[in-house]
């Protein structure tokens, strides 16, 4: 159950924020604050299993790109999506490094 929640919850948060922010004024806050933080937290939470992390990133990426392109017509946000995924992968490896360092001590 924890694996399912850690895989799906960040994508659901991104999708709900993008869909229910119909005014569009706060979508920039989401793009520059909420979405990167969500990917970072997802990288930290899924630091036990790489398969969960990859599935979670695919779900979160789809939850980001589809509403942004369909509802807000913001064009191509692939560069932001690549940046978010890189942040998530970095947080994944930092958490792995911290865990391995604590176990070796």
Foldseek 3Di string as FASTA:
>chain_A
DLLVCLQCVLLVVLLCVLVPVQVPPCVVVCLVPVLLVSLLVSLLSPLVDVVSNVSSLVSNLCSNPVSCCPRVVPPDPVVSSVVSNVNSPVSSVVNVVVVVVVVVD
